[in-house]
Structure formats: C-alpha cells, structure tokens
Amino acid sequence: MKTRKTILIVDDLQSELDWMAHYLTNAGYSIIMAKDGEEAIAKTLAKKPDAIVTDWMMPKMGGLDICRKLKKNPGTAEIPIIACTVKNRDVDRLWAKKQGIKAYITKPYTQEELVTALQEVMG
C-alpha cells in the first residue's frame, strides 16, 4: 500500500485553507493546516510534512519568514516549500527562489497548478 504524502498548508484565510484542503485531499494527500507562521513552524517540527504550501503575505510571519526559519534547522531544511501569492513579478519569483522557495505560484491558481507544483518539488 502506498503511503500518502502529508502537506502542511498555511494561510491566514480560512476560505483558502478550506479550498486547498479540499483539492489536495481529493488528489490523495493528507493535510495539516496552520493559520499563521508560528503555528506552521510548530506543526512542522512536530509532524515533519513532506511539503509545505504557504501564503506569502500574512500578518506577523509570512511565507518568507517561515522559509527562513525552517531552512536554518537541519531537521527541516530539506522540506520543499511552495509560496502562493498575488505578487506576479519575475523579480519577486526570482528573489523567493533565492531564499529557498522551491515553487512559486500566483493567485488565483487552479487545483492542477497546485498539484503539479507539489509533484515537481517532491519528485
């Protein structure tokens, strides 16, 4: 039996979490949810997901801060992180990749874009 991959999804908007959880569950993933960066860090340390999909801009701690903290920790540094954002400039995309973000998708995005990004970053 094939083990389901676990994805941590992070967004301060419940509607975005619900949307991502629905589509990723239907695509065969197990889901962990976090509503902010601090909760995301705590859940990552506790459960070590196979990948993280995070909103880029959130109050207090956004996707970049999550990425920086996890990349500094040897136990979580290799977890691929996908940023979801409304920022659609090439300079933002390039800068995010230099910070350790493995994939960068812009809102609004489709279920197919999200699942494809996960497949690409997890191999």
PDB file of N, CA and C in Angstrom:
ATOM      1  N   MET A   1       0.840  -1.191   0.000  1.00  0.00           N
ATOM      2  CA  MET A   1       0.000   0.000   0.000  1.00  0.00           C
ATOM      3  C   MET A   1       0.882   1.251   0.000  1.00  0.00           C
ATOM      4  N   LYS A   2       0.563   2.176  -0.852  1.00  0.00           N
ATOM      5  CA  LYS A   2       1.329   3.409  -0.991  1.00  0.00           C
ATOM      6  C   LYS A   2       0.991   4.383   0.138  1.00  0.00           C
ATOM      7  N   THR A   3       2.018   4.960   0.746  1.00  0.00           N
ATOM      8  CA  THR A   3       1.819   5.918   1.821  1.00  0.00           C
ATOM      9  C   THR A   3       1.450   7.280   1.245  1.00  0.00           C
ATOM     10  N   ARG A   4       0.436   7.884   1.828  1.00  0.00           N
ATOM     11  CA  ARG A   4       0.024   9.221   1.382  1.00  0.00           C
ATOM     12  C   ARG A   4       1.026  10.251   1.863  1.00  0.00           C
ATOM     13  N   LYS A   5       1.364  11.179   0.990  1.00  0.00           N
ATOM     14  CA  LYS A   5       2.245  12.286   1.362  1.00  0.00           C
ATOM     15  C   LYS A   5       1.440  13.276   2.200  1.00  0.00           C
ATOM     16  N   THR A   6       2.119  13.876   3.165  1.00  0.00           N
ATOM     17  CA  THR A   6       1.476  14.850   4.042  1.00  0.00           C
ATOM     18  C   THR A   6       1.920  16.251   3.665  1.00  0.00           C
ATOM     19  N   ILE A   7       0.952  17.123   3.463  1.00  0.00           N
ATOM     20  CA  ILE A   7       1.206  18.503   3.069  1.00  0.00           C
ATOM     21  C   ILE A   7       0.703  19.428   4.174  1.00  0.00           C
ATOM     22  N   LEU A   8       1.566  20.340   4.601  1.00  0.00           N
ATOM     23  CA  LEU A   8       1.156  21.402   5.523  1.00  0.00           C
ATOM     24  C   LEU A   8       0.744  22.592   4.675  1.00  0.00           C
ATOM     25  N   ILE A   9      -0.486  23.051   4.861  1.00  0.00           N
ATOM     26  CA  ILE A   9      -0.948  24.243   4.152  1.00  0.00           C
ATOM     27  C   ILE A   9      -1.097  25.369   5.166  1.00  0.00           C
ATOM     28  N   VAL A  10      -0.626  26.558   4.769  1.00  0.00           N
ATOM     29  CA  VAL A  10      -0.589  27.697   5.687  1.00  0.00           C
ATOM     30  C   VAL A  10      -1.240  28.903   5.020  1.00  0.00           C
ATOM     31  N   ASP A  11      -2.243  29.454   5.646  1.00  0.00           N
ATOM     32  CA  ASP A  11      -2.890  30.669   5.145  1.00  0.00           C
ATOM     33  C   ASP A  11      -3.680  31.294   6.282  1.00  0.00           C
ATOM     34  N   ASP A  12      -3.719  32.607   6.321  1.00  0.00           N
ATOM     35  CA  ASP A  12      -4.483  33.284   7.368  1.00  0.00           C
ATOM     36  C   ASP A  12      -5.967  33.359   7.041  1.00  0.00           C
ATOM     37  N   LEU A  13      -6.351  32.987   5.837  1.00  0.00           N
ATOM     38  CA  LEU A  13      -7.761  32.993   5.447  1.00  0.00           C
ATOM     39  C   LEU A  13      -8.311  31.566   5.455  1.00  0.00           C
ATOM     40  N   GLN A  14      -9.327  31.344   6.259  1.00  0.00           N
ATOM     41  CA  GLN A  14      -9.917  30.004   6.368  1.00  0.00           C
ATOM     42  C   GLN A  14     -10.435  29.518   5.019  1.00  0.00           C
ATOM     43  N   SER A  15     -10.985  30.411   4.208  1.00  0.00           N
ATOM     44  CA  SER A  15     -11.510  30.004   2.905  1.00  0.00           C
ATOM     45  C   SER A  15     -10.402  29.430   2.012  1.00  0.00           C
ATOM     46  N   GLU A  16      -9.208  30.002   2.068  1.00  0.00           N
ATOM     47  CA  GLU A  16      -8.077  29.481   1.285  1.00  0.00           C
ATOM     48  C   GLU A  16      -7.648  28.112   1.817  1.00  0.00           C
ATOM     49  N   LEU A  17      -7.595  27.971   3.140  1.00  0.00           N
ATOM     50  CA  LEU A  17      -7.249  26.673   3.728  1.00  0.00           C
ATOM     51  C   LEU A  17      -8.255  25.609   3.311  1.00  0.00           C
ATOM     52  N   ASP A  18      -9.536  25.952   3.375  1.00  0.00           N
ATOM     53  CA  ASP A  18     -10.589  25.002   3.014  1.00  0.00           C
ATOM     54  C   ASP A  18     -10.470  24.589   1.551  1.00  0.00           C
ATOM     55  N   TRP A  19     -10.219  25.563   0.674  1.00  0.00           N
ATOM     56  CA  TRP A  19     -10.088  25.289  -0.761  1.00  0.00           C
ATOM     57  C   TRP A  19      -8.919  24.358  -1.010  1.00  0.00           C
ATOM     58  N   MET A  20      -7.746  24.696  -0.459  1.00  0.00           N
ATOM     59  CA  MET A  20      -6.559  23.864  -0.669  1.00  0.00           C
ATOM     60  C   MET A  20      -6.758  22.473  -0.080  1.00  0.00           C
ATOM     61  N   ALA A  21      -7.324  22.399   1.123  1.00  0.00           N
ATOM     62  CA  ALA A  21      -7.533  21.099   1.764  1.00  0.00           C
ATOM     63  C   ALA A  21      -8.454  20.214   0.933  1.00  0.00           C
ATOM     64  N   HIS A  22      -9.505  20.786   0.410  1.00  0.00           N
ATOM     65  CA  HIS A  22     -10.452  20.034  -0.413  1.00  0.00           C
ATOM     66  C   HIS A  22      -9.762  19.438  -1.635  1.00  0.00           C
ATOM     67  N   TYR A  23      -9.067  20.269  -2.380  1.00  0.00           N
ATOM     68  CA  TYR A  23      -8.443  19.792  -3.609  1.00  0.00           C
ATOM     69  C   TYR A  23      -7.263  18.867  -3.357  1.00  0.00           C
ATOM     70  N   LEU A  24      -6.486  19.125  -2.338  1.00  0.00           N
ATOM     71  CA  LEU A  24      -5.338  18.265  -2.073  1.00  0.00           C
ATOM     72  C   LEU A  24      -5.756  16.923  -1.484  1.00  0.00           C
ATOM     73  N   THR A  25      -6.808  16.913  -0.682  1.00  0.00           N
ATOM     74  CA  THR A  25      -7.338  15.651  -0.176  1.00  0.00           C
ATOM     75  C   THR A  25      -7.861  14.819  -1.340  1.00  0.00           C
ATOM     76  N   ASN A  26      -8.588  15.467  -2.258  1.00  0.00           N
ATOM     77  CA  ASN A  26      -9.093  14.762  -3.443  1.00  0.00           C
ATOM     78  C   ASN A  26      -7.969  14.252  -4.334  1.00  0.00           C
ATOM     79  N   ALA A  27      -6.813  14.912  -4.284  1.00  0.00           N
ATOM     80  CA  ALA A  27      -5.665  14.482  -5.074  1.00  0.00           C
ATOM     81  C   ALA A  27      -4.853  13.390  -4.369  1.00  0.00           C
ATOM     82  N   GLY A  28      -5.283  12.996  -3.160  1.00  0.00           N
ATOM     83  CA  GLY A  28      -4.647  11.883  -2.475  1.00  0.00           C
ATOM     84  C   GLY A  28      -3.644  12.234  -1.401  1.00  0.00           C
ATOM     85  N   TYR A  29      -3.589  13.492  -0.997  1.00  0.00           N
ATOM     86  CA  TYR A  29      -2.652  13.920   0.041  1.00  0.00           C
ATOM     87  C   TYR A  29      -3.334  13.969   1.403  1.00  0.00           C
ATOM     88  N   SER A  30      -2.552  13.764   2.452  1.00  0.00           N
ATOM     89  CA  SER A  30      -3.000  14.016   3.823  1.00  0.00           C
ATOM     90  C   SER A  30      -2.673  15.478   4.123  1.00  0.00           C
ATOM     91  N   ILE A  31      -3.531  16.144   4.858  1.00  0.00           N
ATOM     92  CA  ILE A  31      -3.405  17.589   5.064  1.00  0.00           C
ATOM     93  C   ILE A  31      -3.250  17.933   6.542  1.00  0.00           C
ATOM     94  N   ILE A  32      -2.343  18.866   6.798  1.00  0.00           N
ATOM     95  CA  ILE A  32      -2.219  19.525   8.090  1.00  0.00           C
ATOM     96  C   ILE A  32      -2.439  21.005   7.795  1.00  0.00           C
ATOM     97  N   MET A  33      -3.196  21.708   8.621  1.00  0.00           N
ATOM     98  CA  MET A  33      -3.466  23.129   8.395  1.00  0.00           C
ATOM     99  C   MET A  33      -2.855  23.989   9.487  1.00  0.00           C
ATOM    100  N   ALA A  34      -2.419  25.186   9.085  1.00  0.00           N
ATOM    101  CA  ALA A  34      -1.953  26.196  10.039  1.00  0.00           C
ATOM    102  C   ALA A  34      -2.465  27.549   9.572  1.00  0.00           C
ATOM    103  N   LYS A  35      -2.893  28.386  10.534  1.00  0.00           N
ATOM    104  CA  LYS A  35      -3.453  29.695  10.199  1.00  0.00           C
ATOM    105  C   LYS A  35      -2.443  30.826  10.285  1.00  0.00           C
ATOM    106  N   ASP A  36      -1.215  30.534  10.742  1.00  0.00           N
ATOM    107  CA  ASP A  36      -0.184  31.569  10.773  1.00  0.00           C
ATOM    108  C   ASP A  36       1.195  30.920  10.793  1.00  0.00           C
ATOM    109  N   GLY A  37       2.217  31.744  10.688  1.00  0.00           N
ATOM    110  CA  GLY A  37       3.574  31.243  10.605  1.00  0.00           C
ATOM    111  C   GLY A  37       4.039  30.511  11.844  1.00  0.00           C
ATOM    112  N   GLU A  38       3.698  31.020  13.019  1.00  0.00           N
ATOM    113  CA  GLU A  38       4.123  30.372  14.260  1.00  0.00           C
ATOM    114  C   GLU A  38       3.522  28.973  14.383  1.00  0.00           C
ATOM    115  N   GLU A  39       2.245  28.851  14.053  1.00  0.00           N
ATOM    116  CA  GLU A  39       1.595  27.539  14.081  1.00  0.00           C
ATOM    117  C   GLU A  39       2.224  26.619  13.042  1.00  0.00           C
ATOM    118  N   ALA A  40       2.583  27.167  11.888  1.00  0.00           N
ATOM    119  CA  ALA A  40       3.220  26.375  10.829  1.00  0.00           C
ATOM    120  C   ALA A  40       4.565  25.815  11.289  1.00  0.00           C
ATOM    121  N   ILE A  41       5.364  26.637  11.951  1.00  0.00           N
ATOM    122  CA  ILE A  41       6.665  26.188  12.454  1.00  0.00           C
ATOM    123  C   ILE A  41       6.460  25.069  13.482  1.00  0.00           C
ATOM    124  N   ALA A  42       5.556  25.279  14.422  1.00  0.00           N
ATOM    125  CA  ALA A  42       5.298  24.283  15.470  1.00  0.00           C
ATOM    126  C   ALA A  42       4.819  22.959  14.871  1.00  0.00           C
ATOM    127  N   LYS A  43       3.908  23.025  13.911  1.00  0.00           N
ATOM    128  CA  LYS A  43       3.381  21.799  13.304  1.00  0.00           C
ATOM    129  C   LYS A  43       4.441  21.118  12.439  1.00  0.00           C
ATOM    130  N   THR A  44       5.293  21.887  11.809  1.00  0.00           N
ATOM    131  CA  THR A  44       6.380  21.303  11.013  1.00  0.00           C
ATOM    132  C   THR A  44       7.348  20.550  11.921  1.00  0.00           C
ATOM    133  N   LEU A  45       7.700  21.142  13.025  1.00  0.00           N
ATOM    134  CA  LEU A  45       8.618  20.491  13.955  1.00  0.00           C
ATOM    135  C   LEU A  45       8.002  19.224  14.553  1.00  0.00           C
ATOM    136  N   ALA A  46       6.697  19.245  14.791  1.00  0.00           N
ATOM    137  CA  ALA A  46       6.016  18.106  15.405  1.00  0.00           C
ATOM    138  C   ALA A  46       5.743  16.970  14.419  1.00  0.00           C
ATOM    139  N   LYS A  47       5.376  17.305  13.181  1.00  0.00           N
ATOM    140  CA  LYS A  47       4.893  16.291  12.243  1.00  0.00           C
ATOM    141  C   LYS A  47       5.784  16.086  11.012  1.00  0.00           C
ATOM    142  N   LYS A  48       6.700  16.993  10.734  1.00  0.00           N
ATOM    143  CA  LYS A  48       7.591  16.956   9.568  1.00  0.00           C
ATOM    144  C   LYS A  48       6.856  16.551   8.277  1.00  0.00           C
ATOM    145  N   PRO A  49       6.097  17.474   7.703  1.00  0.00           N
ATOM    146  CA  PRO A  49       5.360  17.173   6.475  1.00  0.00           C
ATOM    147  C   PRO A  49       6.317  16.933   5.293  1.00  0.00           C
ATOM    148  N   ASP A  50       5.776  16.338   4.243  1.00  0.00           N
ATOM    149  CA  ASP A  50       6.562  16.082   3.031  1.00  0.00           C
ATOM    150  C   ASP A  50       6.768  17.352   2.219  1.00  0.00           C
ATOM    151  N   ALA A  51       5.866  18.318   2.363  1.00  0.00           N
ATOM    152  CA  ALA A  51       5.977  19.616   1.680  1.00  0.00           C
ATOM    153  C   ALA A  51       5.096  20.619   2.408  1.00  0.00           C
ATOM    154  N   ILE A  52       5.377  21.893   2.144  1.00  0.00           N
ATOM    155  CA  ILE A  52       4.605  22.992   2.733  1.00  0.00           C
ATOM    156  C   ILE A  52       4.134  23.901   1.610  1.00  0.00           C
ATOM    157  N   VAL A  53       2.859  24.256   1.659  1.00  0.00           N
ATOM    158  CA  VAL A  53       2.295  25.245   0.742  1.00  0.00           C
ATOM    159  C   VAL A  53       1.864  26.410   1.613  1.00  0.00           C
ATOM    160  N   THR A  54       2.482  27.579   1.401  1.00  0.00           N
ATOM    161  CA  THR A  54       2.193  28.704   2.286  1.00  0.00           C
ATOM    162  C   THR A  54       1.856  29.979   1.524  1.00  0.00           C
ATOM    163  N   ASP A  55       0.932  30.706   2.105  1.00  0.00           N
ATOM    164  CA  ASP A  55       0.659  32.057   1.627  1.00  0.00           C
ATOM    165  C   ASP A  55       1.936  32.865   1.861  1.00  0.00           C
ATOM    166  N   TRP A  56       2.225  33.766   0.989  1.00  0.00           N
ATOM    167  CA  TRP A  56       3.443  34.569   1.073  1.00  0.00           C
ATOM    168  C   TRP A  56       3.278  35.735   2.028  1.00  0.00           C
ATOM    169  N   MET A  57       2.111  36.364   1.991  1.00  0.00           N
ATOM    170  CA  MET A  57       1.883  37.561   2.804  1.00  0.00           C
ATOM    171  C   MET A  57       0.810  37.281   3.851  1.00  0.00           C
ATOM    172  N   MET A  58       1.257  37.214   5.116  1.00  0.00           N
ATOM    173  CA  MET A  58       0.347  37.009   6.241  1.00  0.00           C
ATOM    174  C   MET A  58       0.784  37.933   7.372  1.00  0.00           C
ATOM    175  N   PRO A  59      -0.146  38.280   8.261  1.00  0.00           N
ATOM    176  CA  PRO A  59       0.244  39.100   9.417  1.00  0.00           C
ATOM    177  C   PRO A  59       1.288  38.376  10.265  1.00  0.00           C
ATOM    178  N   LYS A  60       2.131  39.106  10.914  1.00  0.00           N
ATOM    179  CA  LYS A  60       3.173  38.618  11.830  1.00  0.00           C
ATOM    180  C   LYS A  60       4.282  37.860  11.119  1.00  0.00           C
ATOM    181  N   MET A  61       4.002  36.666  10.599  1.00  0.00           N
ATOM    182  CA  MET A  61       5.025  35.845   9.983  1.00  0.00           C
ATOM    183  C   MET A  61       4.523  35.296   8.658  1.00  0.00           C
ATOM    184  N   GLY A  62       5.087  35.784   7.573  1.00  0.00           N
ATOM    185  CA  GLY A  62       4.676  35.342   6.241  1.00  0.00           C
ATOM    186  C   GLY A  62       5.483  34.154   5.751  1.00  0.00           C
ATOM    187  N   GLY A  63       5.256  33.790   4.512  1.00  0.00           N
ATOM    188  CA  GLY A  63       5.918  32.639   3.911  1.00  0.00           C
ATOM    189  C   GLY A  63       7.434  32.738   3.898  1.00  0.00           C
ATOM    190  N   LEU A  64       7.966  33.921   3.663  1.00  0.00           N
ATOM    191  CA  LEU A  64       9.414  34.091   3.651  1.00  0.00           C
ATOM    192  C   LEU A  64      10.004  33.821   5.033  1.00  0.00           C
ATOM    193  N   ASP A  65       9.359  34.326   6.078  1.00  0.00           N
ATOM    194  CA  ASP A  65       9.839  34.092   7.440  1.00  0.00           C
ATOM    195  C   ASP A  65       9.783  32.609   7.803  1.00  0.00           C
ATOM    196  N   ILE A  66       8.705  31.945   7.388  1.00  0.00           N
ATOM    197  CA  ILE A  66       8.586  30.504   7.618  1.00  0.00           C
ATOM    198  C   ILE A  66       9.752  29.788   6.937  1.00  0.00           C
ATOM    199  N   CYS A  67       9.981  30.139   5.683  1.00  0.00           N
ATOM    200  CA  CYS A  67      11.065  29.534   4.909  1.00  0.00           C
ATOM    201  C   CYS A  67      12.416  29.739   5.592  1.00  0.00           C
ATOM    202  N   ARG A  68      12.710  30.952   5.979  1.00  0.00           N
ATOM    203  CA  ARG A  68      13.997  31.258   6.615  1.00  0.00           C
ATOM    204  C   ARG A  68      14.208  30.436   7.883  1.00  0.00           C
ATOM    205  N   LYS A  69      13.184  30.366   8.727  1.00  0.00           N
ATOM    206  CA  LYS A  69      13.312  29.625   9.987  1.00  0.00           C
ATOM    207  C   LYS A  69      13.512  28.133   9.735  1.00  0.00           C
ATOM    208  N   LEU A  70      12.750  27.575   8.808  1.00  0.00           N
ATOM    209  CA  LEU A  70      12.860  26.138   8.547  1.00  0.00           C
ATOM    210  C   LEU A  70      14.167  25.782   7.849  1.00  0.00           C
ATOM    211  N   LYS A  71      14.666  26.649   6.982  1.00  0.00           N
ATOM    212  CA  LYS A  71      15.915  26.373   6.261  1.00  0.00           C
ATOM    213  C   LYS A  71      17.120  26.422   7.199  1.00  0.00           C
ATOM    214  N   LYS A  72      17.014  27.133   8.324  1.00  0.00           N
ATOM    215  CA  LYS A  72      18.103  27.202   9.305  1.00  0.00           C
ATOM    216  C   LYS A  72      18.183  25.952  10.172  1.00  0.00           C
ATOM    217  N   ASN A  73      17.106  25.174  10.225  1.00  0.00           N
ATOM    218  CA  ASN A  73      17.038  23.990  11.076  1.00  0.00           C
ATOM    219  C   ASN A  73      17.401  22.756  10.242  1.00  0.00           C
ATOM    220  N   PRO A  74      18.484  22.038  10.596  1.00  0.00           N
ATOM    221  CA  PRO A  74      18.879  20.863   9.815  1.00  0.00           C
ATOM    222  C   PRO A  74      17.767  19.802   9.701  1.00  0.00           C
ATOM    223  N   GLY A  75      16.893  19.716  10.675  1.00  0.00           N
ATOM    224  CA  GLY A  75      15.817  18.739  10.638  1.00  0.00           C
ATOM    225  C   GLY A  75      14.677  19.080   9.695  1.00  0.00           C
ATOM    226  N   THR A  76      14.596  20.352   9.293  1.00  0.00           N
ATOM    227  CA  THR A  76      13.501  20.775   8.410  1.00  0.00           C
ATOM    228  C   THR A  76      13.996  21.456   7.129  1.00  0.00           C
ATOM    229  N   ALA A  77      15.296  21.607   6.993  1.00  0.00           N
ATOM    230  CA  ALA A  77      15.858  22.374   5.872  1.00  0.00           C
ATOM    231  C   ALA A  77      15.516  21.804   4.502  1.00  0.00           C
ATOM    232  N   GLU A  78      15.313  20.507   4.415  1.00  0.00           N
ATOM    233  CA  GLU A  78      15.072  19.870   3.120  1.00  0.00           C
ATOM    234  C   GLU A  78      13.594  19.792   2.732  1.00  0.00           C
ATOM    235  N   ILE A  79      12.708  20.225   3.600  1.00  0.00           N
ATOM    236  CA  ILE A  79      11.277  20.176   3.267  1.00  0.00           C
ATOM    237  C   ILE A  79      11.005  21.215   2.178  1.00  0.00           C
ATOM    238  N   PRO A  80      10.470  20.780   1.030  1.00  0.00           N
ATOM    239  CA  PRO A  80      10.182  21.749  -0.031  1.00  0.00           C
ATOM    240  C   PRO A  80       9.023  22.672   0.344  1.00  0.00           C
ATOM    241  N   ILE A  81       9.199  23.943   0.008  1.00  0.00           N
ATOM    242  CA  ILE A  81       8.189  24.956   0.319  1.00  0.00           C
ATOM    243  C   ILE A  81       7.707  25.592  -0.974  1.00  0.00           C
ATOM    244  N   ILE A  82       6.397  25.678  -1.100  1.00  0.00           N
ATOM    245  CA  ILE A  82       5.750  26.342  -2.234  1.00  0.00           C
ATOM    246  C   ILE A  82       5.098  27.612  -1.720  1.00  0.00           C
ATOM    247  N   ALA A  83       5.402  28.726  -2.356  1.00  0.00           N
ATOM    248  CA  ALA A  83       4.792  30.009  -1.996  1.00  0.00           C
ATOM    249  C   ALA A  83       3.602  30.275  -2.907  1.00  0.00           C
ATOM    250  N   CYS A  84       2.508  30.743  -2.309  1.00  0.00           N
ATOM    251  CA  CYS A  84       1.307  31.144  -3.054  1.00  0.00           C
ATOM    252  C   CYS A  84       1.105  32.628  -2.789  1.00  0.00           C
ATOM    253  N   THR A  85       1.009  33.403  -3.842  1.00  0.00           N
ATOM    254  CA  THR A  85       0.938  34.852  -3.650  1.00  0.00           C
ATOM    255  C   THR A  85       0.240  35.547  -4.811  1.00  0.00           C
ATOM    256  N   VAL A  86      -0.175  36.768  -4.540  1.00  0.00           N
ATOM    257  CA  VAL A  86      -0.724  37.603  -5.614  1.00  0.00           C
ATOM    258  C   VAL A  86       0.397  38.343  -6.342  1.00  0.00           C
ATOM    259  N   LYS A  87       1.610  38.344  -5.775  1.00  0.00           N
ATOM    260  CA  LYS A  87       2.744  39.014  -6.414  1.00  0.00           C
ATOM    261  C   LYS A  87       3.155  38.223  -7.648  1.00  0.00           C
ATOM    262  N   ASN A  88       3.068  38.854  -8.791  1.00  0.00           N
ATOM    263  CA  ASN A  88       3.285  38.140 -10.046  1.00  0.00           C
ATOM    264  C   ASN A  88       4.451  38.705 -10.851  1.00  0.00           C
ATOM    265  N   ARG A  89       5.382  39.362 -10.191  1.00  0.00           N
ATOM    266  CA  ARG A  89       6.519  39.911 -10.924  1.00  0.00           C
ATOM    267  C   ARG A  89       7.670  38.909 -10.943  1.00  0.00           C
ATOM    268  N   ASP A  90       8.394  38.879 -12.044  1.00  0.00           N
ATOM    269  CA  ASP A  90       9.530  37.961 -12.154  1.00  0.00           C
ATOM    270  C   ASP A  90      10.563  38.214 -11.071  1.00  0.00           C
ATOM    271  N   VAL A  91      10.768  39.481 -10.701  1.00  0.00           N
ATOM    272  CA  VAL A  91      11.750  39.804  -9.678  1.00  0.00           C
ATOM    273  C   VAL A  91      11.362  39.182  -8.332  1.00  0.00           C
ATOM    274  N   ASP A  92      10.074  39.151  -8.008  1.00  0.00           N
ATOM    275  CA  ASP A  92       9.609  38.526  -6.766  1.00  0.00           C
ATOM    276  C   ASP A  92       9.810  37.011  -6.818  1.00  0.00           C
ATOM    277  N   ARG A  93       9.493  36.426  -7.947  1.00  0.00           N
ATOM    278  CA  ARG A  93       9.636  34.984  -8.143  1.00  0.00           C
ATOM    279  C   ARG A  93      11.105  34.565  -8.002  1.00  0.00           C
ATOM    280  N   LEU A  94      11.995  35.304  -8.637  1.00  0.00           N
ATOM    281  CA  LEU A  94      13.426  35.008  -8.590  1.00  0.00           C
ATOM    282  C   LEU A  94      13.967  35.174  -7.175  1.00  0.00           C
ATOM    283  N   TRP A  95      13.572  36.246  -6.511  1.00  0.00           N
ATOM    284  CA  TRP A  95      14.026  36.514  -5.151  1.00  0.00           C
ATOM    285  C   TRP A  95      13.569  35.399  -4.212  1.00  0.00           C
ATOM    286  N   ALA A  96      12.322  34.947  -4.346  1.00  0.00           N
ATOM    287  CA  ALA A  96      11.792  33.873  -3.497  1.00  0.00           C
ATOM    288  C   ALA A  96      12.601  32.589  -3.693  1.00  0.00           C
ATOM    289  N   LYS A  97      12.925  32.272  -4.928  1.00  0.00           N
ATOM    290  CA  LYS A  97      13.721  31.063  -5.213  1.00  0.00           C
ATOM    291  C   LYS A  97      15.093  31.162  -4.549  1.00  0.00           C
ATOM    292  N   LYS A  98      15.683  32.341  -4.564  1.00  0.00           N
ATOM    293  CA  LYS A  98      16.995  32.525  -3.932  1.00  0.00           C
ATOM    294  C   LYS A  98      16.915  32.345  -2.420  1.00  0.00           C
ATOM    295  N   GLN A  99      15.741  32.547  -1.844  1.00  0.00           N
ATOM    296  CA  GLN A  99      15.540  32.383  -0.401  1.00  0.00           C
ATOM    297  C   GLN A  99      15.259  30.933  -0.019  1.00  0.00           C
ATOM    298  N   GLY A 100      15.116  30.053  -0.998  1.00  0.00           N
ATOM    299  CA  GLY A 100      14.888  28.641  -0.711  1.00  0.00           C
ATOM    300  C   GLY A 100      13.512  28.123  -1.074  1.00  0.00           C
ATOM    301  N   ILE A 101      12.663  28.971  -1.627  1.00  0.00           N
ATOM    302  CA  ILE A 101      11.337  28.535  -2.069  1.00  0.00           C
ATOM    303  C   ILE A 101      11.518  27.657  -3.312  1.00  0.00           C
ATOM    304  N   LYS A 102      10.910  26.472  -3.297  1.00  0.00           N
ATOM    305  CA  LYS A 102      11.076  25.535  -4.415  1.00  0.00           C
ATOM    306  C   LYS A 102      10.128  25.810  -5.575  1.00  0.00           C
ATOM    307  N   ALA A 103       8.956  26.349  -5.282  1.00  0.00           N
ATOM    308  CA  ALA A 103       7.992  26.678  -6.334  1.00  0.00           C
ATOM    309  C   ALA A 103       7.217  27.915  -5.900  1.00  0.00           C
ATOM    310  N   TYR A 104       6.754  28.662  -6.876  1.00  0.00           N
ATOM    311  CA  TYR A 104       6.105  29.950  -6.628  1.00  0.00           C
ATOM    312  C   TYR A 104       4.908  30.011  -7.557  1.00  0.00           C
ATOM    313  N   ILE A 105       3.712  29.963  -6.983  1.00  0.00           N
ATOM    314  CA  ILE A 105       2.518  30.035  -7.826  1.00  0.00           C
ATOM    315  C   ILE A 105       1.700  31.253  -7.441  1.00  0.00           C
ATOM    316  N   THR A 106       1.100  31.850  -8.449  1.00  0.00           N
ATOM    317  CA  THR A 106       0.365  33.090  -8.209  1.00  0.00           C
ATOM    318  C   THR A 106      -1.137  32.838  -8.121  1.00  0.00           C
ATOM    319  N   LYS A 107      -1.744  33.613  -7.234  1.00  0.00           N
ATOM    320  CA  LYS A 107      -3.197  33.563  -7.036  1.00  0.00           C
ATOM    321  C   LYS A 107      -3.866  34.431  -8.087  1.00  0.00           C
ATOM    322  N   PRO A 108      -5.010  34.048  -8.582  1.00  0.00           N
ATOM    323  CA  PRO A 108      -5.677  32.776  -8.312  1.00  0.00           C
ATOM    324  C   PRO A 108      -5.004  31.651  -9.104  1.00  0.00           C
ATOM    325  N   TYR A 109      -4.977  30.469  -8.538  1.00  0.00           N
ATOM    326  CA  TYR A 109      -4.398  29.319  -9.206  1.00  0.00           C
ATOM    327  C   TYR A 109      -5.412  28.193  -9.217  1.00  0.00           C
ATOM    328  N   THR A 110      -5.155  27.199 -10.045  1.00  0.00           N
ATOM    329  CA  THR A 110      -6.084  26.078 -10.176  1.00  0.00           C
ATOM    330  C   THR A 110      -5.594  24.894  -9.353  1.00  0.00           C
ATOM    331  N   GLN A 111      -6.470  23.939  -9.173  1.00  0.00           N
ATOM    332  CA  GLN A 111      -6.104  22.698  -8.499  1.00  0.00           C
ATOM    333  C   GLN A 111      -4.939  22.043  -9.244  1.00  0.00           C
ATOM    334  N   GLU A 112      -5.003  22.032 -10.560  1.00  0.00           N
ATOM    335  CA  GLU A 112      -3.958  21.411 -11.367  1.00  0.00           C
ATOM    336  C   GLU A 112      -2.598  22.080 -11.149  1.00  0.00           C
ATOM    337  N   GLU A 113      -2.575  23.408 -11.079  1.00  0.00           N
ATOM    338  CA  GLU A 113      -1.311  24.119 -10.831  1.00  0.00           C
ATOM    339  C   GLU A 113      -0.730  23.746  -9.476  1.00  0.00           C
ATOM    340  N   LEU A 114      -1.582  23.674  -8.471  1.00  0.00           N
ATOM    341  CA  LEU A 114      -1.140  23.357  -7.121  1.00  0.00           C
ATOM    342  C   LEU A 114      -0.601  21.927  -7.046  1.00  0.00           C
ATOM    343  N   VAL A 115      -1.330  20.976  -7.582  1.00  0.00           N
ATOM    344  CA  VAL A 115      -0.912  19.569  -7.545  1.00  0.00           C
ATOM    345  C   VAL A 115       0.362  19.372  -8.375  1.00  0.00           C
ATOM    346  N   THR A 116       0.449  20.015  -9.530  1.00  0.00           N
ATOM    347  CA  THR A 116       1.641  19.900 -10.371  1.00  0.00           C
ATOM    348  C   THR A 116       2.867  20.456  -9.637  1.00  0.00           C
ATOM    349  N   ALA A 117       2.717  21.591  -8.984  1.00  0.00           N
ATOM    350  CA  ALA A 117       3.835  22.181  -8.225  1.00  0.00           C
ATOM    351  C   ALA A 117       4.285  21.206  -7.134  1.00  0.00           C
ATOM    352  N   LEU A 118       3.349  20.598  -6.426  1.00  0.00           N
ATOM    353  CA  LEU A 118       3.710  19.627  -5.389  1.00  0.00           C
ATOM    354  C   LEU A 118       4.436  18.424  -5.972  1.00  0.00           C
ATOM    355  N   GLN A 119       3.935  17.906  -7.070  1.00  0.00           N
ATOM    356  CA  GLN A 119       4.589  16.765  -7.706  1.00  0.00           C
ATOM    357  C   GLN A 119       6.020  17.116  -8.125  1.00  0.00           C
ATOM    358  N   GLU A 120       6.207  18.305  -8.643  1.00  0.00           N
ATOM    359  CA  GLU A 120       7.531  18.722  -9.094  1.00  0.00           C
ATOM    360  C   GLU A 120       8.511  18.885  -7.934  1.00  0.00           C
ATOM    361  N   VAL A 121       8.077  19.470  -6.825  1.00  0.00           N
ATOM    362  CA  VAL A 121       9.017  19.702  -5.720  1.00  0.00           C
ATOM    363  C   VAL A 121       9.288  18.446  -4.893  1.00  0.00           C
ATOM    364  N   MET A 122       8.377  17.486  -4.930  1.00  0.00           N
ATOM    365  CA  MET A 122       8.584  16.263  -4.147  1.00  0.00           C
ATOM    366  C   MET A 122       9.184  15.136  -4.982  1.00  0.00           C
ATOM    367  N   GLY A 123       9.299  15.358  -6.282  1.00  0.00           N
ATOM    368  CA  GLY A 123       9.923  14.352  -7.148  1.00  0.00           C
ATOM    369  C   GLY A 123       9.047  13.225  -7.568  1.00  0.00           C
TER     370      GLY A 123
END
